[in-house]
């Protein structure tokens, strides 16, 4: 969820190496914040450079980041568009990135339960659109009334 926020809001994102492998710090101080990246050298026990060398969870995050970054790279609305965000309600935060040609809606459900998105609050933006497509899964919605968000998930919708 954090990566979705970082990669779709304003500014230039910075991702530290190893994030794509769920690496965290070793509890020390700089320069020991991160462990060596696994792989690339003879004798390494794991190789984070290949899908076979990563765990399932690491591959899931790697694939998500790769798809999100590829999409982001091709979206001027993310680089130059305006940001319109709404006060979070019931642990659901919604914001829009928009320019003259494209509108993207980002929904973050920071809740322990599934939520059905109450889109009436966003009528000022959504009134011009009839459908949406999830940029990660390519799932399409022909109505905004049935968008359900799983717990602790982020979804990016291209509005059409």
N, C-alpha and C. Protein backbone atom coordinates (compact mmCIF):
# COMPACT_ATOMS: atom_id res chain seq x y z
N UNK A 1 0.82 -1.18 0.00
CA UNK A 1 0.00 0.00 0.00
C UNK A 1 0.87 1.25 0.00
N UNK A 2 1.90 1.24 0.78
CA UNK A 2 2.79 2.39 0.86
C UNK A 2 3.44 2.68 -0.49
N UNK A 3 3.84 1.63 -1.21
CA UNK A 3 4.47 1.84 -2.51
C UNK A 3 3.49 2.46 -3.51
N UNK A 4 2.23 2.07 -3.44
CA UNK A 4 1.23 2.65 -4.32
C UNK A 4 1.10 4.14 -4.04
N UNK A 5 1.03 4.51 -2.78
CA UNK A 5 0.96 5.92 -2.40
C UNK A 5 2.21 6.66 -2.89
N UNK A 6 3.36 6.11 -2.61
CA UNK A 6 4.62 6.75 -2.99
C UNK A 6 4.72 6.96 -4.50
N UNK A 7 4.27 5.98 -5.27
CA UNK A 7 4.45 6.02 -6.72
C UNK A 7 3.32 6.70 -7.48
N UNK A 8 2.28 7.17 -6.77
CA UNK A 8 1.18 7.84 -7.46
C UNK A 8 0.90 9.25 -6.96
N UNK A 9 1.56 9.68 -5.90
CA UNK A 9 1.35 11.05 -5.44
C UNK A 9 2.41 11.96 -6.08
N UNK A 10 2.36 13.22 -5.73
CA UNK A 10 3.24 14.21 -6.32
C UNK A 10 4.69 13.98 -5.90
N UNK A 11 5.59 14.39 -6.76
CA UNK A 11 7.00 14.34 -6.44
C UNK A 11 7.72 13.18 -7.10
N UNK A 12 9.00 13.15 -6.87
CA UNK A 12 9.86 12.11 -7.43
C UNK A 12 10.06 11.04 -6.37
N UNK A 13 9.59 9.83 -6.62
CA UNK A 13 9.72 8.79 -5.59
C UNK A 13 11.15 8.29 -5.46
N UNK A 14 11.49 7.86 -4.28
CA UNK A 14 12.79 7.26 -4.04
C UNK A 14 12.56 5.92 -3.35
N UNK A 15 13.06 4.87 -3.96
CA UNK A 15 12.92 3.53 -3.40
C UNK A 15 14.32 3.00 -3.14
N UNK A 16 14.55 2.54 -1.94
CA UNK A 16 15.85 2.02 -1.57
C UNK A 16 16.01 0.59 -2.09
N UNK A 17 17.22 0.23 -2.47
CA UNK A 17 17.43 -1.12 -3.01
C UNK A 17 16.97 -2.17 -2.00
N UNK A 18 16.46 -3.27 -2.53
CA UNK A 18 16.00 -4.36 -1.69
C UNK A 18 14.52 -4.27 -1.34
N UNK A 19 13.91 -3.11 -1.56
CA UNK A 19 12.48 -2.99 -1.28
C UNK A 19 11.70 -4.02 -2.09
N UNK A 20 12.13 -4.25 -3.33
CA UNK A 20 11.45 -5.21 -4.20
C UNK A 20 11.59 -6.65 -3.72
N UNK A 21 12.48 -6.88 -2.73
CA UNK A 21 12.65 -8.21 -2.15
C UNK A 21 12.21 -8.27 -0.70
N UNK A 22 11.50 -7.24 -0.27
CA UNK A 22 11.02 -7.16 1.12
C UNK A 22 12.17 -7.09 2.12
N UNK A 23 13.32 -6.62 1.67
CA UNK A 23 14.46 -6.50 2.58
C UNK A 23 14.19 -5.37 3.57
N UNK A 24 14.65 -5.57 4.78
CA UNK A 24 14.55 -4.51 5.77
C UNK A 24 15.93 -4.30 6.37
N UNK A 25 16.02 -3.38 7.27
CA UNK A 25 17.30 -3.11 7.90
C UNK A 25 17.70 -4.23 8.84
N UNK A 26 18.94 -4.18 9.26
CA UNK A 26 19.43 -5.20 10.19
C UNK A 26 19.43 -4.70 11.62
N UNK A 27 18.82 -3.54 11.84
CA UNK A 27 18.74 -2.99 13.19
C UNK A 27 19.93 -2.11 13.54
N UNK A 28 20.91 -2.04 12.66
CA UNK A 28 22.09 -1.22 12.92
C UNK A 28 21.91 0.19 12.41
N UNK A 29 23.00 0.90 12.42
CA UNK A 29 22.98 2.27 11.93
C UNK A 29 23.72 2.33 10.62
N UNK A 30 23.51 3.41 9.89
CA UNK A 30 24.17 3.59 8.61
C UNK A 30 25.66 3.44 8.80
N UNK A 31 26.40 2.71 8.02
CA UNK A 31 26.06 2.14 6.73
C UNK A 31 25.53 0.70 6.81
N UNK A 32 25.15 0.24 7.97
CA UNK A 32 24.67 -1.14 8.11
C UNK A 32 23.16 -1.25 8.09
N UNK A 33 22.49 -0.29 7.47
CA UNK A 33 21.04 -0.30 7.46
C UNK A 33 20.49 -1.46 6.65
N UNK A 34 21.11 -1.75 5.52
CA UNK A 34 20.65 -2.83 4.66
C UNK A 34 21.72 -3.90 4.55
N UNK A 35 21.24 -5.11 4.41
CA UNK A 35 22.13 -6.24 4.17
C UNK A 35 22.56 -6.20 2.71
N UNK A 36 23.53 -7.03 2.36
CA UNK A 36 23.91 -7.15 0.96
C UNK A 36 22.74 -7.69 0.17
N UNK A 37 22.59 -7.20 -1.05
CA UNK A 37 21.56 -7.72 -1.94
C UNK A 37 21.93 -9.15 -2.29
N UNK A 38 21.00 -10.09 -2.16
CA UNK A 38 21.35 -11.50 -2.41
C UNK A 38 21.53 -11.79 -3.90
N UNK A 39 22.62 -12.43 -4.22
CA UNK A 39 22.86 -12.86 -5.60
C UNK A 39 23.91 -12.04 -6.30
N UNK A 40 24.34 -12.59 -7.42
CA UNK A 40 25.32 -11.89 -8.23
C UNK A 40 26.74 -12.32 -8.00
N UNK A 41 26.99 -13.09 -6.96
CA UNK A 41 28.34 -13.52 -6.64
C UNK A 41 28.37 -15.04 -6.42
N UNK A 42 29.45 -15.64 -6.82
CA UNK A 42 29.61 -17.08 -6.58
C UNK A 42 29.52 -17.35 -5.08
N UNK A 43 28.78 -18.36 -4.73
CA UNK A 43 28.66 -18.72 -3.32
C UNK A 43 27.46 -18.09 -2.61
N UNK A 44 26.76 -17.16 -3.26
CA UNK A 44 25.57 -16.59 -2.62
C UNK A 44 24.51 -17.68 -2.47
N UNK A 45 23.87 -17.73 -1.30
CA UNK A 45 22.86 -18.76 -1.04
C UNK A 45 21.57 -18.51 -1.80
N UNK A 46 21.27 -17.27 -2.09
CA UNK A 46 20.04 -16.92 -2.82
C UNK A 46 20.41 -15.92 -3.91
N UNK A 47 19.54 -15.82 -4.91
CA UNK A 47 19.78 -14.90 -6.01
C UNK A 47 18.51 -14.09 -6.27
N UNK A 48 18.48 -12.88 -5.74
CA UNK A 48 17.32 -12.02 -5.91
C UNK A 48 17.15 -11.47 -7.31
N UNK A 49 18.10 -11.74 -8.18
CA UNK A 49 18.03 -11.26 -9.55
C UNK A 49 17.16 -12.15 -10.44
N UNK A 50 16.81 -13.33 -9.95
CA UNK A 50 15.98 -14.24 -10.74
C UNK A 50 14.74 -14.64 -9.96
N UNK A 51 13.66 -14.93 -10.69
CA UNK A 51 12.42 -15.36 -10.04
C UNK A 51 12.64 -16.64 -9.23
N UNK A 52 13.46 -17.54 -9.74
CA UNK A 52 13.73 -18.80 -9.04
C UNK A 52 14.49 -18.57 -7.74
N UNK A 53 15.22 -17.50 -7.65
CA UNK A 53 16.00 -17.20 -6.45
C UNK A 53 15.25 -16.42 -5.40
N UNK A 54 14.01 -16.04 -5.70
CA UNK A 54 13.19 -15.28 -4.77
C UNK A 54 12.08 -16.16 -4.20
N UNK A 55 11.60 -15.79 -3.02
CA UNK A 55 10.45 -16.48 -2.44
C UNK A 55 9.18 -16.05 -3.18
N UNK A 56 8.09 -16.73 -2.88
CA UNK A 56 6.81 -16.36 -3.50
C UNK A 56 6.42 -14.93 -3.13
N UNK A 57 6.54 -14.58 -1.85
CA UNK A 57 6.20 -13.22 -1.42
C UNK A 57 7.10 -12.19 -2.11
N UNK A 58 8.39 -12.51 -2.21
CA UNK A 58 9.31 -11.59 -2.89
C UNK A 58 8.93 -11.43 -4.36
N UNK A 59 8.57 -12.51 -5.01
CA UNK A 59 8.14 -12.42 -6.42
C UNK A 59 6.85 -11.61 -6.56
N UNK A 60 5.93 -11.76 -5.62
CA UNK A 60 4.68 -10.98 -5.66
C UNK A 60 4.98 -9.48 -5.59
N UNK A 61 5.83 -9.09 -4.65
CA UNK A 61 6.18 -7.68 -4.50
C UNK A 61 6.99 -7.20 -5.70
N UNK A 62 7.93 -7.99 -6.14
CA UNK A 62 8.75 -7.64 -7.29
C UNK A 62 7.87 -7.40 -8.52
N UNK A 63 6.94 -8.32 -8.79
CA UNK A 63 6.06 -8.20 -9.94
C UNK A 63 5.15 -6.98 -9.82
N UNK A 64 4.65 -6.72 -8.61
CA UNK A 64 3.79 -5.56 -8.39
C UNK A 64 4.55 -4.26 -8.67
N UNK A 65 5.74 -4.14 -8.09
CA UNK A 65 6.53 -2.92 -8.29
C UNK A 65 6.90 -2.76 -9.76
N UNK A 66 7.27 -3.84 -10.40
CA UNK A 66 7.64 -3.77 -11.82
C UNK A 66 6.47 -3.27 -12.66
N UNK A 67 5.28 -3.82 -12.43
CA UNK A 67 4.11 -3.41 -13.19
C UNK A 67 3.74 -1.97 -12.88
N UNK A 68 3.76 -1.61 -11.61
CA UNK A 68 3.41 -0.25 -11.22
C UNK A 68 4.39 0.77 -11.79
N UNK A 69 5.68 0.48 -11.73
CA UNK A 69 6.67 1.40 -12.28
C UNK A 69 6.57 1.51 -13.80
N UNK A 70 6.30 0.40 -14.47
CA UNK A 70 6.13 0.45 -15.93
C UNK A 70 4.92 1.30 -16.30
N UNK A 71 3.82 1.13 -15.57
CA UNK A 71 2.63 1.93 -15.82
C UNK A 71 2.92 3.40 -15.53
N UNK A 72 3.55 3.66 -14.40
CA UNK A 72 3.85 5.04 -13.99
C UNK A 72 4.68 5.76 -15.05
N UNK A 73 5.65 5.06 -15.60
CA UNK A 73 6.55 5.65 -16.59
C UNK A 73 5.79 6.18 -17.81
N UNK A 74 4.68 5.55 -18.14
CA UNK A 74 3.93 5.92 -19.34
C UNK A 74 2.77 6.87 -19.05
N UNK A 75 2.68 7.39 -17.84
CA UNK A 75 1.54 8.20 -17.45
C UNK A 75 1.91 9.65 -17.13
N UNK A 76 1.78 10.55 -18.11
CA UNK A 76 2.06 11.97 -17.83
C UNK A 76 1.20 12.52 -16.68
N UNK A 77 -0.01 11.97 -16.49
CA UNK A 77 -0.87 12.46 -15.42
C UNK A 77 -0.21 12.26 -14.05
N UNK A 78 0.58 11.22 -13.90
CA UNK A 78 1.26 10.99 -12.62
C UNK A 78 2.45 11.95 -12.46
N UNK A 79 3.09 12.27 -13.55
CA UNK A 79 4.25 13.17 -13.49
C UNK A 79 3.85 14.63 -13.35
N UNK A 80 2.78 15.02 -14.06
CA UNK A 80 2.45 16.44 -14.16
C UNK A 80 1.03 16.80 -13.76
N UNK A 81 0.21 15.80 -13.50
CA UNK A 81 -1.19 16.07 -13.20
C UNK A 81 -1.41 16.68 -11.83
N UNK A 82 -2.59 17.21 -11.67
CA UNK A 82 -2.98 17.80 -10.39
C UNK A 82 -3.40 16.69 -9.43
N UNK A 83 -3.31 16.99 -8.15
CA UNK A 83 -3.71 16.05 -7.09
C UNK A 83 -4.92 16.62 -6.37
N UNK A 84 -5.98 15.82 -6.31
CA UNK A 84 -7.16 16.17 -5.54
C UNK A 84 -7.42 15.04 -4.57
N UNK A 85 -7.34 15.33 -3.28
CA UNK A 85 -7.55 14.24 -2.33
C UNK A 85 -8.68 14.59 -1.37
N UNK A 86 -9.26 13.54 -0.82
CA UNK A 86 -10.41 13.67 0.06
C UNK A 86 -10.03 13.18 1.46
N UNK A 87 -10.67 13.75 2.44
CA UNK A 87 -10.43 13.35 3.83
C UNK A 87 -10.74 11.86 3.96
N UNK A 88 -9.83 11.09 4.55
CA UNK A 88 -10.11 9.65 4.73
C UNK A 88 -11.37 9.44 5.56
N UNK A 89 -12.12 8.44 5.19
CA UNK A 89 -13.31 8.05 5.92
C UNK A 89 -13.27 6.56 6.19
N UNK A 90 -13.45 6.20 7.44
CA UNK A 90 -13.49 4.79 7.82
C UNK A 90 -12.23 4.05 7.35
N UNK A 91 -11.09 4.72 7.48
CA UNK A 91 -9.77 4.19 7.11
C UNK A 91 -9.61 3.94 5.61
N UNK A 92 -10.39 4.63 4.80
CA UNK A 92 -10.26 4.54 3.35
C UNK A 92 -9.87 5.94 2.84
N UNK A 93 -8.73 6.01 2.18
CA UNK A 93 -8.21 7.26 1.64
C UNK A 93 -8.32 7.21 0.13
N UNK A 94 -8.91 8.25 -0.47
CA UNK A 94 -9.10 8.31 -1.91
C UNK A 94 -8.53 9.63 -2.42
N UNK A 95 -7.75 9.53 -3.49
CA UNK A 95 -7.29 10.74 -4.16
C UNK A 95 -7.26 10.51 -5.65
N UNK A 96 -7.26 11.61 -6.37
CA UNK A 96 -7.29 11.59 -7.83
C UNK A 96 -6.08 12.33 -8.36
N UNK A 97 -5.54 11.82 -9.45
CA UNK A 97 -4.54 12.53 -10.25
C UNK A 97 -5.23 12.80 -11.58
N UNK A 98 -5.18 14.06 -12.04
CA UNK A 98 -5.89 14.38 -13.27
C UNK A 98 -5.20 15.50 -14.04
N UNK A 99 -5.39 15.43 -15.35
CA UNK A 99 -4.95 16.49 -16.24
C UNK A 99 -6.03 16.65 -17.31
N UNK A 100 -5.73 17.32 -18.40
CA UNK A 100 -6.74 17.60 -19.42
C UNK A 100 -7.25 16.34 -20.12
N UNK A 101 -6.48 15.26 -20.10
CA UNK A 101 -6.87 14.07 -20.87
C UNK A 101 -7.09 12.81 -20.03
N UNK A 102 -6.55 12.75 -18.83
CA UNK A 102 -6.57 11.51 -18.06
C UNK A 102 -6.94 11.78 -16.61
N UNK A 103 -7.70 10.86 -16.03
CA UNK A 103 -8.01 10.92 -14.60
C UNK A 103 -7.78 9.54 -13.99
N UNK A 104 -7.07 9.53 -12.89
CA UNK A 104 -6.75 8.30 -12.18
C UNK A 104 -7.27 8.45 -10.75
N UNK A 105 -7.93 7.42 -10.25
CA UNK A 105 -8.40 7.39 -8.87
C UNK A 105 -7.61 6.34 -8.10
N UNK A 106 -7.07 6.72 -6.96
CA UNK A 106 -6.31 5.79 -6.11
C UNK A 106 -7.09 5.61 -4.81
N UNK A 107 -7.30 4.35 -4.44
CA UNK A 107 -8.05 4.03 -3.23
C UNK A 107 -7.17 3.17 -2.32
N UNK A 108 -7.00 3.61 -1.08
CA UNK A 108 -6.21 2.88 -0.10
C UNK A 108 -7.13 2.47 1.05
N UNK A 109 -7.29 1.18 1.26
CA UNK A 109 -8.10 0.68 2.37
C UNK A 109 -7.17 0.23 3.49
N UNK A 110 -6.96 1.12 4.45
CA UNK A 110 -6.10 0.83 5.59
C UNK A 110 -6.94 0.34 6.75
N UNK A 111 -7.71 -0.69 6.49
CA UNK A 111 -8.66 -1.21 7.45
C UNK A 111 -8.52 -2.73 7.52
N UNK A 112 -8.96 -3.29 8.63
CA UNK A 112 -8.93 -4.74 8.79
C UNK A 112 -10.12 -5.43 8.14
N UNK A 113 -11.01 -4.66 7.52
CA UNK A 113 -12.19 -5.26 6.92
C UNK A 113 -12.38 -4.78 5.48
N UNK A 114 -13.12 -5.58 4.72
CA UNK A 114 -13.45 -5.21 3.34
C UNK A 114 -14.38 -4.00 3.37
N UNK A 115 -14.21 -3.11 2.42
CA UNK A 115 -15.04 -1.91 2.34
C UNK A 115 -15.64 -1.79 0.95
N UNK A 116 -16.90 -1.38 0.90
CA UNK A 116 -17.53 -1.01 -0.36
C UNK A 116 -17.36 0.48 -0.49
N UNK A 117 -16.81 0.90 -1.59
CA UNK A 117 -16.47 2.30 -1.79
C UNK A 117 -17.74 3.13 -1.97
N UNK A 118 -17.93 4.12 -1.08
CA UNK A 118 -19.05 5.04 -1.19
C UNK A 118 -18.61 6.18 -2.11
N UNK A 119 -19.00 6.10 -3.37
CA UNK A 119 -18.48 7.04 -4.37
C UNK A 119 -19.27 8.35 -4.44
N UNK A 120 -20.37 8.47 -3.73
CA UNK A 120 -21.15 9.71 -3.78
C UNK A 120 -20.30 10.92 -3.37
N UNK A 121 -19.36 10.72 -2.49
CA UNK A 121 -18.49 11.83 -2.04
C UNK A 121 -17.62 12.37 -3.17
N UNK A 122 -17.46 11.59 -4.22
CA UNK A 122 -16.53 11.95 -5.30
C UNK A 122 -17.25 12.36 -6.58
N UNK A 123 -18.54 12.69 -6.46
CA UNK A 123 -19.35 13.02 -7.64
C UNK A 123 -18.75 14.14 -8.47
N UNK A 124 -18.12 15.10 -7.83
CA UNK A 124 -17.57 16.23 -8.59
C UNK A 124 -16.55 15.76 -9.63
N UNK A 125 -15.90 14.64 -9.39
CA UNK A 125 -14.95 14.09 -10.35
C UNK A 125 -15.60 12.98 -11.18
N UNK A 126 -16.28 12.06 -10.51
CA UNK A 126 -16.79 10.86 -11.17
C UNK A 126 -17.96 11.10 -12.12
N UNK A 127 -18.60 12.25 -12.01
CA UNK A 127 -19.78 12.51 -12.84
C UNK A 127 -19.49 12.41 -14.34
N UNK A 128 -18.25 12.65 -14.73
CA UNK A 128 -17.87 12.61 -16.15
C UNK A 128 -17.47 11.22 -16.63
N UNK A 129 -17.46 10.25 -15.74
CA UNK A 129 -16.94 8.93 -16.10
C UNK A 129 -17.99 7.85 -15.92
N UNK A 130 -17.90 6.82 -16.74
CA UNK A 130 -18.87 5.73 -16.70
C UNK A 130 -18.26 4.41 -16.25
N UNK A 131 -16.93 4.29 -16.35
CA UNK A 131 -16.29 3.01 -16.02
C UNK A 131 -14.87 3.26 -15.52
N UNK A 132 -14.29 2.17 -15.03
CA UNK A 132 -12.92 2.25 -14.51
C UNK A 132 -12.21 0.94 -14.77
N UNK A 133 -10.88 1.03 -14.82
CA UNK A 133 -10.07 -0.18 -15.00
C UNK A 133 -8.93 -0.16 -13.99
N UNK A 134 -8.76 -1.27 -13.29
CA UNK A 134 -7.66 -1.45 -12.34
C UNK A 134 -6.36 -1.58 -13.15
N UNK A 135 -5.40 -0.71 -12.90
CA UNK A 135 -4.19 -0.71 -13.73
C UNK A 135 -3.28 -1.92 -13.46
N UNK A 136 -3.43 -2.56 -12.33
CA UNK A 136 -2.59 -3.72 -12.00
C UNK A 136 -3.22 -5.01 -12.50
N UNK A 137 -4.51 -5.20 -12.24
CA UNK A 137 -5.17 -6.47 -12.60
C UNK A 137 -5.90 -6.41 -13.93
N UNK A 138 -6.11 -5.21 -14.47
CA UNK A 138 -6.89 -4.97 -15.69
C UNK A 138 -8.38 -5.28 -15.51
N UNK A 139 -8.83 -5.50 -14.28
CA UNK A 139 -10.26 -5.72 -14.04
C UNK A 139 -11.01 -4.43 -14.39
N UNK A 140 -12.17 -4.58 -15.02
CA UNK A 140 -12.96 -3.42 -15.42
C UNK A 140 -14.25 -3.36 -14.62
N UNK A 141 -14.68 -2.13 -14.32
CA UNK A 141 -15.94 -1.88 -13.65
C UNK A 141 -16.78 -0.99 -14.55
N UNK A 142 -18.02 -1.40 -14.78
CA UNK A 142 -18.94 -0.58 -15.56
C UNK A 142 -19.84 0.26 -14.68
N UNK A 143 -19.64 0.12 -13.38
CA UNK A 143 -20.39 0.89 -12.40
C UNK A 143 -19.48 1.14 -11.21
N UNK A 144 -19.60 2.31 -10.64
CA UNK A 144 -18.78 2.63 -9.46
C UNK A 144 -19.44 2.17 -8.17
N UNK A 145 -20.67 1.69 -8.24
CA UNK A 145 -21.39 1.33 -7.02
C UNK A 145 -20.99 -0.02 -6.44
N UNK A 146 -20.27 -0.82 -7.20
CA UNK A 146 -19.93 -2.16 -6.70
C UNK A 146 -18.44 -2.37 -6.47
N UNK A 147 -17.71 -1.30 -6.25
CA UNK A 147 -16.27 -1.43 -6.02
C UNK A 147 -16.03 -1.76 -4.55
N UNK A 148 -15.52 -2.95 -4.33
CA UNK A 148 -15.20 -3.40 -2.97
C UNK A 148 -13.69 -3.49 -2.83
N UNK A 149 -13.22 -3.03 -1.70
CA UNK A 149 -11.79 -3.02 -1.42
C UNK A 149 -11.48 -4.02 -0.31
N UNK A 150 -10.58 -4.95 -0.60
CA UNK A 150 -10.14 -5.90 0.41
C UNK A 150 -9.36 -5.17 1.50
N UNK A 151 -9.25 -5.76 2.69
CA UNK A 151 -8.48 -5.12 3.76
C UNK A 151 -7.02 -4.89 3.36
N UNK A 152 -6.48 -3.78 3.78
CA UNK A 152 -5.08 -3.44 3.60
C UNK A 152 -4.63 -3.57 2.13
N UNK A 153 -5.41 -2.97 1.25
CA UNK A 153 -5.07 -2.99 -0.16
C UNK A 153 -5.12 -1.59 -0.75
N UNK A 154 -4.46 -1.47 -1.88
CA UNK A 154 -4.47 -0.23 -2.66
C UNK A 154 -4.84 -0.59 -4.09
N UNK A 155 -5.67 0.24 -4.69
CA UNK A 155 -6.07 0.03 -6.07
C UNK A 155 -5.98 1.34 -6.83
N UNK A 156 -5.47 1.24 -8.05
CA UNK A 156 -5.36 2.40 -8.93
C UNK A 156 -6.32 2.17 -10.08
N UNK A 157 -7.24 3.10 -10.26
CA UNK A 157 -8.24 3.02 -11.32
C UNK A 157 -7.98 4.08 -12.39
N UNK A 158 -7.91 3.65 -13.64
CA UNK A 158 -7.95 4.60 -14.75
C UNK A 158 -9.42 4.80 -15.06
N UNK A 159 -9.88 6.04 -15.01
CA UNK A 159 -11.29 6.33 -15.25
C UNK A 159 -11.54 6.55 -16.73
N UNK A 160 -12.66 6.01 -17.19
CA UNK A 160 -13.01 6.13 -18.61
C UNK A 160 -14.41 6.68 -18.76
